[in-house]
Amino acid sequence: RPLSLVDSLQPPAGSPLVGSDGARYTLLREVPFDRDGDF
C-alpha cells in the first residue's frame, strides 16, 4: 500500500522535507525506471 510507505517514511521534525518527500525520493532512487526492480 503506497500510503503505508508514506507513513513509514515521514520526515523527522526539523527536516526540510515534507509530506511524502521521503517516500517519493526512496522510490525513485531505489527502483530503476527503465527495467524491473525489487522493493
All heavy atoms as atom14 arrays in JSON, in Angstrom:
{
  "sequence": "RPLSLVDSLQPPAGSPLVGSDGARYTLLREVPFDRDGDF",
  "atom14_mask": [
    [1, 1, 1, 1, 1, 1, 1, 1, 1, 1, 1, 0, 0, 0],
    [1, 1, 1, 1, 1, 1, 1, 0, 0, 0, 0, 0, 0, 0],
    [1, 1, 1, 1, 1, 1, 1, 1, 0, 0, 0, 0, 0, 0],
    [1, 1, 1, 1, 1, 1, 0, 0, 0, 0, 0, 0, 0, 0],
    [1, 1, 1, 1, 1, 1, 1, 1, 0, 0, 0, 0, 0, 0],
    [1, 1, 1, 1, 1, 1, 1, 0, 0, 0, 0, 0, 0, 0],
    [1, 1, 1, 1, 1, 1, 1, 1, 0, 0, 0, 0, 0, 0],
    [1, 1, 1, 1, 1, 1, 0, 0, 0, 0, 0, 0, 0, 0],
    [1, 1, 1, 1, 1, 1, 1, 1, 0, 0, 0, 0, 0, 0],
    [1, 1, 1, 1, 1, 1, 1, 1, 1, 0, 0, 0, 0, 0],
    [1, 1, 1, 1, 1, 1, 1, 0, 0, 0, 0, 0, 0, 0],
    [1, 1, 1, 1, 1, 1, 1, 0, 0, 0, 0, 0, 0, 0],
    [1, 1, 1, 1, 1, 0, 0, 0, 0, 0, 0, 0, 0, 0],
    [1, 1, 1, 1, 0, 0, 0, 0, 0, 0, 0, 0, 0, 0],
    [1, 1, 1, 1, 1, 1, 0, 0, 0, 0, 0, 0, 0, 0],
    [1, 1, 1, 1, 1, 1, 1, 0, 0, 0, 0, 0, 0, 0],
    [1, 1, 1, 1, 1, 1, 1, 1, 0, 0, 0, 0, 0, 0],
    [1, 1, 1, 1, 1, 1, 1, 0, 0, 0, 0, 0, 0, 0],
    [1, 1, 1, 1, 0, 0, 0, 0, 0, 0, 0, 0, 0, 0],
    [1, 1, 1, 1, 1, 1, 0, 0, 0, 0, 0, 0, 0, 0],
    [1, 1, 1, 1, 1, 1, 1, 1, 0, 0, 0, 0, 0, 0],
    [1, 1, 1, 1, 0, 0, 0, 0, 0, 0, 0, 0, 0, 0],
    [1, 1, 1, 1, 1, 0, 0, 0, 0, 0, 0, 0, 0, 0],
    [1, 1, 1, 1, 1, 1, 1, 1, 1, 1, 1, 0, 0, 0],
    [1, 1, 1, 1, 1, 1, 1, 1, 1, 1, 1, 1, 0, 0],
    [1, 1, 1, 1, 1, 1, 1, 0, 0, 0, 0, 0, 0, 0],
    [1, 1, 1, 1, 1, 1, 1, 1, 0, 0, 0, 0, 0, 0],
    [1, 1, 1, 1, 1, 1, 1, 1, 0, 0, 0, 0, 0, 0],
    [1, 1, 1, 1, 1, 1, 1, 1, 1, 1, 1, 0, 0, 0],
    [1, 1, 1, 1, 1, 1, 1, 1, 1, 0, 0, 0, 0, 0],
    [1, 1, 1, 1, 1, 1, 1, 0, 0, 0, 0, 0, 0, 0],
    [1, 1, 1, 1, 1, 1, 1, 0, 0, 0, 0, 0, 0, 0],
    [1, 1, 1, 1, 1, 1, 1, 1, 1, 1, 1, 0, 0, 0],
    [1, 1, 1, 1, 1, 1, 1, 1, 0, 0, 0, 0, 0, 0],
    [1, 1, 1, 1, 1, 1, 1, 1, 1, 1, 1, 0, 0, 0],
    [1, 1, 1, 1, 1, 1, 1, 1, 0, 0, 0, 0, 0, 0],
    [1, 1, 1, 1, 0, 0, 0, 0, 0, 0, 0, 0, 0, 0],
    [1, 1, 1, 1, 1, 1, 1, 1, 0, 0, 0, 0, 0, 0],
    [1, 1, 1, 1, 1, 1, 1, 1, 1, 1, 1, 0, 0, 0]
  ],
  "atom14_positions": [
    [[0.85, -1.19, 0.0], [0.0, 0.0, 0.0], [0.88, 1.25, 0.0], [1.72, 1.42, 0.9], [-0.93, -0.01, 1.19], [-2.03, -1.07, 1.1], [-2.95, -1.04, 2.3], [-4.05, -1.98, 2.13], [-3.98, -3.29, 2.38], [-2.83, -3.79, 2.83], [-5.02, -4.07, 2.19], [0.0, 0.0, 0.0], [0.0, 0.0, 0.0], [0.0, 0.0, 0.0]],
    [[0.69, 2.15, -0.96], [1.55, 3.34, -1.04], [1.52, 4.2, 0.21], [2.55, 4.72, 0.64], [0.96, 4.11, -2.24], [0.21, 3.1, -3.03], [-0.29, 2.09, -2.05], [0.0, 0.0, 0.0], [0.0, 0.0, 0.0], [0.0, 0.0, 0.0], [0.0, 0.0, 0.0], [0.0, 0.0, 0.0], [0.0, 0.0, 0.0], [0.0, 0.0, 0.0]],
    [[0.35, 4.33, 0.84], [0.26, 5.22, 1.99], [0.95, 4.63, 3.21], [1.36, 5.37, 4.12], [-1.2, 5.55, 2.28], [-1.93, 6.26, 1.12], [-3.3, 6.75, 1.56], [-1.11, 7.4, 0.55], [0.0, 0.0, 0.0], [0.0, 0.0, 0.0], [0.0, 0.0, 0.0], [0.0, 0.0, 0.0], [0.0, 0.0, 0.0], [0.0, 0.0, 0.0]],
    [[1.13, 3.3, 3.23], [1.93, 2.69, 4.3], [3.38, 3.14, 4.19], [4.04, 3.41, 5.2], [1.84, 1.16, 4.22], [0.53, 0.71, 4.41], [0.0, 0.0, 0.0], [0.0, 0.0, 0.0], [0.0, 0.0, 0.0], [0.0, 0.0, 0.0], [0.0, 0.0, 0.0], [0.0, 0.0, 0.0], [0.0, 0.0, 0.0], [0.0, 0.0, 0.0]],
    [[3.87, 3.24, 2.95], [5.24, 3.71, 2.74], [5.36, 5.18, 3.13], [6.34, 5.58, 3.76], [5.64, 3.51, 1.28], [7.07, 3.91, 0.92], [8.08, 3.03, 1.66], [7.29, 3.82, -0.59], [0.0, 0.0, 0.0], [0.0, 0.0, 0.0], [0.0, 0.0, 0.0], [0.0, 0.0, 0.0], [0.0, 0.0, 0.0], [0.0, 0.0, 0.0]],
    [[4.36, 5.99, 2.76], [4.37, 7.4, 3.12], [4.43, 7.55, 4.64], [5.21, 8.33, 5.19], [3.14, 8.12, 2.56], [3.07, 9.56, 3.07], [3.17, 8.12, 1.04], [0.0, 0.0, 0.0], [0.0, 0.0, 0.0], [0.0, 0.0, 0.0], [0.0, 0.0, 0.0], [0.0, 0.0, 0.0], [0.0, 0.0, 0.0], [0.0, 0.0, 0.0]],
    [[3.59, 6.78, 5.35], [3.57, 6.85, 6.81], [4.89, 6.4, 7.42], [5.36, 6.97, 8.42], [2.42, 6.0, 7.36], [1.05, 6.57, 7.01], [0.97, 7.78, 6.71], [0.07, 5.79, 7.01], [0.0, 0.0, 0.0], [0.0, 0.0, 0.0], [0.0, 0.0, 0.0], [0.0, 0.0, 0.0], [0.0, 0.0, 0.0], [0.0, 0.0, 0.0]],
    [[5.49, 5.36, 6.83], [6.75, 4.83, 7.37], [7.93, 5.75, 7.16], [8.89, 5.72, 7.92], [7.06, 3.47, 6.71], [6.04, 2.53, 6.97], [0.0, 0.0, 0.0], [0.0, 0.0, 0.0], [0.0, 0.0, 0.0], [0.0, 0.0, 0.0], [0.0, 0.0, 0.0], [0.0, 0.0, 0.0], [0.0, 0.0, 0.0], [0.0, 0.0, 0.0]],
    [[7.85, 6.58, 6.13], [8.98, 7.44, 5.77], [8.66, 8.92, 5.96], [9.11, 9.77, 5.2], [9.39, 7.17, 4.31], [9.92, 5.77, 4.03], [10.15, 5.56, 2.53], [11.22, 5.52, 4.79], [0.0, 0.0, 0.0], [0.0, 0.0, 0.0], [0.0, 0.0, 0.0], [0.0, 0.0, 0.0], [0.0, 0.0, 0.0], [0.0, 0.0, 0.0]],
    [[7.89, 9.22, 6.99], [7.61, 10.61, 7.3], [8.9, 11.34, 7.68], [9.71, 10.82, 8.46], [6.61, 10.71, 8.45], [5.16, 10.51, 8.02], [4.69, 11.63, 7.12], [4.78, 12.81, 7.45], [4.19, 11.25, 5.95], [0.0, 0.0, 0.0], [0.0, 0.0, 0.0], [0.0, 0.0, 0.0], [0.0, 0.0, 0.0], [0.0, 0.0, 0.0]],
    [[9.13, 12.55, 7.15], [10.34, 13.3, 7.51], [10.38, 13.6, 9.0], [9.34, 13.88, 9.61], [10.2, 14.59, 6.69], [9.25, 14.25, 5.58], [8.3, 13.26, 6.16], [0.0, 0.0, 0.0], [0.0, 0.0, 0.0], [0.0, 0.0, 0.0], [0.0, 0.0, 0.0], [0.0, 0.0, 0.0], [0.0, 0.0, 0.0], [0.0, 0.0, 0.0]],
    [[11.55, 13.55, 9.61], [11.67, 13.87, 11.04], [11.45, 15.36, 11.31], [11.53, 16.18, 10.39], [13.1, 13.45, 11.37], [13.83, 13.56, 10.08], [12.85, 13.18, 9.02], [0.0, 0.0, 0.0], [0.0, 0.0, 0.0], [0.0, 0.0, 0.0], [0.0, 0.0, 0.0], [0.0, 0.0, 0.0], [0.0, 0.0, 0.0], [0.0, 0.0, 0.0]],
    [[11.16, 15.68, 12.53], [10.97, 17.08, 12.91], [12.21, 17.89, 12.55], [13.36, 17.46, 12.76], [10.69, 17.17, 14.41], [0.0, 0.0, 0.0], [0.0, 0.0, 0.0], [0.0, 0.0, 0.0], [0.0, 0.0, 0.0], [0.0, 0.0, 0.0], [0.0, 0.0, 0.0], [0.0, 0.0, 0.0], [0.0, 0.0, 0.0], [0.0, 0.0, 0.0]],
    [[11.99, 19.07, 12.0], [13.1, 19.94, 11.62], [13.66, 19.68, 10.25], [14.53, 20.43, 9.77], [0.0, 0.0, 0.0], [0.0, 0.0, 0.0], [0.0, 0.0, 0.0], [0.0, 0.0, 0.0], [0.0, 0.0, 0.0], [0.0, 0.0, 0.0], [0.0, 0.0, 0.0], [0.0, 0.0, 0.0], [0.0, 0.0, 0.0], [0.0, 0.0, 0.0]],
    [[13.18, 18.61, 9.57], [13.68, 18.29, 8.22], [13.08, 19.25, 7.2], [11.93, 19.67, 7.33], [13.3, 16.85, 7.85], [13.56, 16.62, 6.49], [0.0, 0.0, 0.0], [0.0, 0.0, 0.0], [0.0, 0.0, 0.0], [0.0, 0.0, 0.0], [0.0, 0.0, 0.0], [0.0, 0.0, 0.0], [0.0, 0.0, 0.0], [0.0, 0.0, 0.0]],
    [[13.86, 19.62, 6.16], [13.29, 20.45, 5.09], [12.3, 19.67, 4.22], [11.57, 20.26, 3.43], [14.51, 20.87, 4.28], [15.53, 19.78, 4.53], [15.28, 19.34, 5.94], [0.0, 0.0, 0.0], [0.0, 0.0, 0.0], [0.0, 0.0, 0.0], [0.0, 0.0, 0.0], [0.0, 0.0, 0.0], [0.0, 0.0, 0.0], [0.0, 0.0, 0.0]],
    [[12.28, 18.34, 4.35], [11.34, 17.52, 3.59], [9.95, 17.63, 4.21], [9.8, 17.87, 5.41], [11.79, 16.06, 3.58], [13.16, 15.76, 3.0], [13.46, 14.28, 3.11], [13.26, 16.21, 1.55], [0.0, 0.0, 0.0], [0.0, 0.0, 0.0], [0.0, 0.0, 0.0], [0.0, 0.0, 0.0], [0.0, 0.0, 0.0], [0.0, 0.0, 0.0]],
    [[8.92, 17.42, 3.39], [7.55, 17.48, 3.87], [6.74, 16.32, 3.3], [7.08, 15.76, 2.26], [6.85, 18.81, 3.47], [7.53, 20.0, 4.13], [6.83, 18.97, 1.96], [0.0, 0.0, 0.0], [0.0, 0.0, 0.0], [0.0, 0.0, 0.0], [0.0, 0.0, 0.0], [0.0, 0.0, 0.0], [0.0, 0.0, 0.0], [0.0, 0.0, 0.0]],
    [[5.65, 15.97, 4.01], [4.68, 15.01, 3.49], [5.28, 13.72, 2.99], [5.91, 12.97, 3.74], [0.0, 0.0, 0.0], [0.0, 0.0, 0.0], [0.0, 0.0, 0.0], [0.0, 0.0, 0.0], [0.0, 0.0, 0.0], [0.0, 0.0, 0.0], [0.0, 0.0, 0.0], [0.0, 0.0, 0.0], [0.0, 0.0, 0.0], [0.0, 0.0, 0.0]],
    [[5.12, 13.48, 1.69], [5.56, 12.22, 1.09], [6.94, 12.31, 0.47], [7.34, 11.42, -0.28], [4.56, 11.79, 0.01], [4.53, 12.73, -1.05], [0.0, 0.0, 0.0], [0.0, 0.0, 0.0], [0.0, 0.0, 0.0], [0.0, 0.0, 0.0], [0.0, 0.0, 0.0], [0.0, 0.0, 0.0], [0.0, 0.0, 0.0], [0.0, 0.0, 0.0]],
    [[7.7, 13.36, 0.76], [9.02, 13.53, 0.13], [9.92, 12.32, 0.36], [10.65, 11.89, -0.54], [9.72, 14.78, 0.66], [9.17, 16.06, 0.06], [8.36, 15.97, -0.89], [9.54, 17.15, 0.54], [0.0, 0.0, 0.0], [0.0, 0.0, 0.0], [0.0, 0.0, 0.0], [0.0, 0.0, 0.0], [0.0, 0.0, 0.0], [0.0, 0.0, 0.0]],
    [[9.86, 11.73, 1.56], [10.7, 10.58, 1.84], [10.34, 9.39, 0.98], [11.22, 8.71, 0.42], [0.0, 0.0, 0.0], [0.0, 0.0, 0.0], [0.0, 0.0, 0.0], [0.0, 0.0, 0.0], [0.0, 0.0, 0.0], [0.0, 0.0, 0.0], [0.0, 0.0, 0.0], [0.0, 0.0, 0.0], [0.0, 0.0, 0.0], [0.0, 0.0, 0.0]],
    [[9.04, 9.13, 0.83], [8.59, 8.01, 0.0], [8.91, 8.26, -1.47], [9.35, 7.36, -2.19], [7.09, 7.79, 0.19], [0.0, 0.0, 0.0], [0.0, 0.0, 0.0], [0.0, 0.0, 0.0], [0.0, 0.0, 0.0], [0.0, 0.0, 0.0], [0.0, 0.0, 0.0], [0.0, 0.0, 0.0], [0.0, 0.0, 0.0], [0.0, 0.0, 0.0]],
    [[8.68, 9.48, -1.92], [8.95, 9.82, -3.33], [10.43, 9.64, -3.64], [10.8, 9.01, -4.65], [8.52, 11.27, -3.6], [7.01, 11.5, -3.6], [6.67, 12.99, -3.54], [7.2, 13.72, -4.66], [6.51, 14.06, -5.75], [5.23, 13.72, -5.87], [7.08, 14.75, -6.73], [0.0, 0.0, 0.0], [0.0, 0.0, 0.0], [0.0, 0.0, 0.0]],
    [[11.29, 10.17, -2.8], [12.72, 10.07, -3.02], [13.18, 8.62, -3.02], [13.95, 8.18, -3.89], [13.46, 10.87, -1.94], [14.97, 10.67, -1.96], [15.75, 11.29, -2.93], [15.59, 9.85, -1.02], [17.12, 11.11, -2.95], [16.96, 9.66, -1.03], [17.72, 10.29, -2.01], [19.08, 10.11, -2.03], [0.0, 0.0, 0.0], [0.0, 0.0, 0.0]],
    [[12.7, 7.86, -2.03], [13.13, 6.47, -1.9], [12.74, 5.64, -3.11], [13.55, 4.88, -3.65], [12.53, 5.85, -0.63], [13.02, 6.57, 0.51], [12.9, 4.38, -0.49], [0.0, 0.0, 0.0], [0.0, 0.0, 0.0], [0.0, 0.0, 0.0], [0.0, 0.0, 0.0], [0.0, 0.0, 0.0], [0.0, 0.0, 0.0], [0.0, 0.0, 0.0]],
    [[11.5, 5.78, -3.55], [11.04, 5.0, -4.7], [11.86, 5.3, -5.95], [12.31, 4.39, -6.66], [9.57, 5.29, -4.98], [8.54, 4.46, -4.22], [7.14, 4.93, -4.56], [8.7, 2.98, -4.53], [0.0, 0.0, 0.0], [0.0, 0.0, 0.0], [0.0, 0.0, 0.0], [0.0, 0.0, 0.0], [0.0, 0.0, 0.0], [0.0, 0.0, 0.0]],
    [[12.06, 6.58, -6.24], [12.77, 6.93, -7.47], [14.26, 6.65, -7.39], [14.91, 6.43, -8.41], [12.52, 8.4, -7.82], [11.07, 8.75, -8.16], [10.96, 10.18, -8.64], [10.5, 7.8, -9.21], [0.0, 0.0, 0.0], [0.0, 0.0, 0.0], [0.0, 0.0, 0.0], [0.0, 0.0, 0.0], [0.0, 0.0, 0.0], [0.0, 0.0, 0.0]],
    [[14.8, 6.63, -6.18], [16.22, 6.28, -6.03], [16.45, 4.79, -6.14], [17.42, 4.34, -6.76], [16.74, 6.78, -4.68], [18.12, 6.23, -4.34], [18.69, 6.86, -3.11], [19.86, 6.12, -2.66], [20.75, 6.58, -1.79], [20.61, 7.79, -1.27], [21.77, 5.84, -1.43], [0.0, 0.0, 0.0], [0.0, 0.0, 0.0], [0.0, 0.0, 0.0]],
    [[15.57, 4.0, -5.54], [15.82, 2.58, -5.39], [15.38, 1.73, -6.58], [15.88, 0.62, -6.76], [15.12, 2.06, -4.13], [15.71, 2.6, -2.84], [17.18, 2.24, -2.7], [17.5, 1.03, -2.71], [18.01, 3.16, -2.61], [0.0, 0.0, 0.0], [0.0, 0.0, 0.0], [0.0, 0.0, 0.0], [0.0, 0.0, 0.0], [0.0, 0.0, 0.0]],
    [[14.43, 2.21, -7.38], [13.88, 1.39, -8.46], [14.22, 2.02, -9.8], [13.77, 3.14, -10.1], [12.35, 1.23, -8.32], [11.81, 0.33, -9.42], [11.99, 0.67, -6.95], [0.0, 0.0, 0.0], [0.0, 0.0, 0.0], [0.0, 0.0, 0.0], [0.0, 0.0, 0.0], [0.0, 0.0, 0.0], [0.0, 0.0, 0.0], [0.0, 0.0, 0.0]],
    [[14.99, 1.36, -10.66], [15.33, 1.91, -11.98], [14.08, 2.04, -12.84], [13.22, 1.16, -12.83], [16.31, 0.88, -12.56], [15.98, -0.39, -11.85], [15.53, -0.01, -10.47], [0.0, 0.0, 0.0], [0.0, 0.0, 0.0], [0.0, 0.0, 0.0], [0.0, 0.0, 0.0], [0.0, 0.0, 0.0], [0.0, 0.0, 0.0], [0.0, 0.0, 0.0]],
    [[13.97, 3.13, -13.58], [12.73, 3.39, -14.31], [12.64, 2.61, -15.62], [11.54, 2.4, -16.14], [12.59, 4.89, -14.59], [11.17, 5.33, -14.78], [10.24, 5.17, -13.77], [10.75, 5.88, -15.98], [8.92, 5.57, -13.93], [9.44, 6.29, -16.15], [8.52, 6.13, -15.12], [0.0, 0.0, 0.0], [0.0, 0.0, 0.0], [0.0, 0.0, 0.0]],
    [[13.76, 2.19, -16.16], [13.72, 1.54, -17.48], [13.65, 0.02, -17.4], [13.62, -0.66, -18.42], [14.94, 1.95, -18.3], [16.26, 1.53, -17.66], [16.27, 1.27, -16.43], [17.28, 1.46, -18.38], [0.0, 0.0, 0.0], [0.0, 0.0, 0.0], [0.0, 0.0, 0.0], [0.0, 0.0, 0.0], [0.0, 0.0, 0.0], [0.0, 0.0, 0.0]],
    [[13.59, -0.54, -16.19], [13.54, -2.0, -16.06], [12.9, -2.35, -14.71], [12.6, -1.48, -13.91], [14.94, -2.62, -16.16], [15.94, -2.06, -15.18], [17.36, -2.48, -15.56], [18.37, -1.99, -14.62], [18.9, -0.77, -14.68], [18.51, 0.09, -15.6], [19.83, -0.4, -13.8], [0.0, 0.0, 0.0], [0.0, 0.0, 0.0], [0.0, 0.0, 0.0]],
    [[12.68, -3.64, -14.49], [12.06, -4.08, -13.24], [13.02, -3.86, -12.06], [14.23, -3.89, -12.21], [11.71, -5.57, -13.31], [10.64, -5.87, -14.34], [10.07, -4.91, -14.9], [10.37, -7.06, -14.59], [0.0, 0.0, 0.0], [0.0, 0.0, 0.0], [0.0, 0.0, 0.0], [0.0, 0.0, 0.0], [0.0, 0.0, 0.0], [0.0, 0.0, 0.0]],
    [[12.41, -3.66, -10.88], [13.21, -3.51, -9.67], [12.49, -4.1, -8.48], [11.27, -4.03, -8.38], [0.0, 0.0, 0.0], [0.0, 0.0, 0.0], [0.0, 0.0, 0.0], [0.0, 0.0, 0.0], [0.0, 0.0, 0.0], [0.0, 0.0, 0.0], [0.0, 0.0, 0.0], [0.0, 0.0, 0.0], [0.0, 0.0, 0.0], [0.0, 0.0, 0.0]],
    [[13.25, -4.72, -7.57], [12.66, -5.29, -6.36], [12.55, -4.21, -5.29], [13.42, -3.34, -5.16], [13.52, -6.44, -5.84], [13.23, -7.74, -6.56], [12.07, -8.17, -6.54], [14.16, -8.31, -7.16], [0.0, 0.0, 0.0], [0.0, 0.0, 0.0], [0.0, 0.0, 0.0], [0.0, 0.0, 0.0], [0.0, 0.0, 0.0], [0.0, 0.0, 0.0]],
    [[11.47, -4.3, -4.51], [11.26, -3.34, -3.42], [11.26, -4.09, -2.1], [10.59, -5.12, -1.95], [9.93, -2.61, -3.59], [9.64, -1.66, -2.47], [10.25, -0.42, -2.42], [8.8, -2.03, -1.43], [10.01, 0.45, -1.37], [8.55, -1.16, -0.38], [9.15, 0.08, -0.35], [0.0, 0.0, 0.0], [0.0, 0.0, 0.0], [0.0, 0.0, 0.0]]
  ]
}
